[in-house]
């Protein structure tokens, strides 16, 4: 009779608690960042969202950034720009 060993190749899940950033009362007069991952249709969708936001909220300034590799996080300098320059950021993906 053969003996089998069953392996379960999974790791123990780790969780990290984090709180959400406080929401803004309004986008009126705020700086909004747009981060595109440059996938198909991402820029078109982001432009449509931005146009609707500008019409409704009278946004003061827009900061646009892109990430070059869709499967990886945005580079630190891009994220630092968005964090330091913007009150809110919209990150869009395409396809």
Protein backbone atom coordinates (compact mmCIF):
# COMPACT_ATOMS: atom_id res chain seq x y z
CA UNK A 1 0.00 0.00 0.00
CA UNK A 2 1.37 3.43 -1.00
CA UNK A 3 1.58 6.38 1.38
CA UNK A 4 0.78 9.89 0.17
CA UNK A 5 1.73 13.17 1.73
CA UNK A 6 -0.65 16.04 1.09
CA UNK A 7 0.89 19.52 0.99
CA UNK A 8 -1.01 22.76 1.23
CA UNK A 9 1.14 25.41 -0.48
CA UNK A 10 -0.55 28.44 1.03
CA UNK A 11 0.72 31.03 3.43
CA UNK A 12 -0.98 32.31 6.52
CA UNK A 13 -2.83 35.48 5.62
CA UNK A 14 -1.59 38.72 7.13
CA UNK A 15 -3.82 41.70 7.64
CA UNK A 16 -2.92 45.27 8.32
CA UNK A 17 -5.49 47.71 9.59
CA UNK A 18 -5.55 51.17 8.07
CA UNK A 19 -8.05 53.95 8.27
CA UNK A 20 -9.38 55.86 5.30
CA UNK A 21 -8.30 59.41 4.68
CA UNK A 22 -10.95 61.92 5.68
CA UNK A 23 -13.25 62.82 2.80
CA UNK A 24 -13.39 66.29 1.31
CA UNK A 25 -16.48 68.41 1.86
CA UNK A 26 -16.32 69.53 -1.77
CA UNK A 27 -14.01 69.52 -4.77
CA UNK A 28 -14.73 73.21 -5.42
CA UNK A 29 -11.44 75.08 -5.68
CA UNK A 30 -9.40 71.91 -5.12
CA UNK A 31 -6.53 70.38 -7.07
CA UNK A 32 -7.41 67.00 -8.55
CA UNK A 33 -4.84 64.50 -9.77
CA UNK A 34 -5.45 62.11 -12.63
CA UNK A 35 -3.32 58.95 -12.79
CA UNK A 36 -3.57 56.92 -15.98
CA UNK A 37 -2.16 53.46 -16.47
CA UNK A 38 -2.24 54.03 -20.26
CA UNK A 39 -4.29 50.93 -21.00
CA UNK A 40 -6.72 51.00 -23.89
CA UNK A 41 -9.49 53.55 -23.21
CA UNK A 42 -8.06 54.64 -19.85
CA UNK A 43 -7.30 58.17 -21.03
CA UNK A 44 -10.70 58.56 -22.67
CA UNK A 45 -12.52 57.43 -19.53
CA UNK A 46 -10.41 59.66 -17.30
CA UNK A 47 -10.99 62.68 -19.56
CA UNK A 48 -14.75 62.10 -19.44
CA UNK A 49 -14.67 61.82 -15.64
CA UNK A 50 -12.53 64.93 -15.41
CA UNK A 51 -14.86 66.94 -17.67
CA UNK A 52 -17.86 65.96 -15.53
CA UNK A 53 -16.00 66.83 -12.33
CA UNK A 54 -14.88 70.21 -13.70
CA UNK A 55 -18.41 71.08 -14.76
CA UNK A 56 -19.97 70.07 -11.45
CA UNK A 57 -17.31 71.13 -8.93
CA UNK A 58 -15.31 73.98 -10.52
CA UNK A 59 -11.96 72.34 -9.86
CA UNK A 60 -9.13 74.87 -9.54
CA UNK A 61 -6.28 72.80 -10.99
CA UNK A 62 -5.63 69.40 -12.56
CA UNK A 63 -2.38 67.45 -12.25
CA UNK A 64 -2.03 64.61 -14.79
CA UNK A 65 0.44 61.80 -14.38
CA UNK A 66 0.91 58.40 -16.00
CA UNK A 67 2.45 55.14 -14.99
CA UNK A 68 4.34 53.36 -17.74
CA UNK A 69 4.03 49.74 -16.64
CA UNK A 70 0.43 48.75 -15.98
CA UNK A 71 1.25 45.72 -13.82
CA UNK A 72 3.50 47.63 -11.43
CA UNK A 73 2.86 50.42 -8.94
CA UNK A 74 3.44 53.98 -10.08
CA UNK A 75 7.01 55.16 -9.47
CA UNK A 76 7.69 56.95 -6.19
CA UNK A 77 8.22 60.32 -7.87
CA UNK A 78 4.79 60.10 -9.53
CA UNK A 79 3.11 59.15 -6.26
CA UNK A 80 4.96 61.88 -4.36
CA UNK A 81 3.80 64.47 -6.92
CA UNK A 82 0.20 63.38 -6.52
CA UNK A 83 0.37 63.29 -2.72
CA UNK A 84 2.09 66.65 -2.43
CA UNK A 85 0.22 68.57 -5.14
CA UNK A 86 -3.33 67.21 -5.01
CA UNK A 87 -6.33 67.29 -2.71
CA UNK A 88 -7.88 64.27 -4.44
CA UNK A 89 -6.73 61.74 -7.07
CA UNK A 90 -8.62 59.66 -9.63
CA UNK A 91 -6.76 56.55 -10.79
CA UNK A 92 -8.17 54.92 -13.86
CA UNK A 93 -7.61 51.67 -15.64
CA UNK A 94 -8.67 50.84 -19.15
CA UNK A 95 -9.73 47.83 -21.23
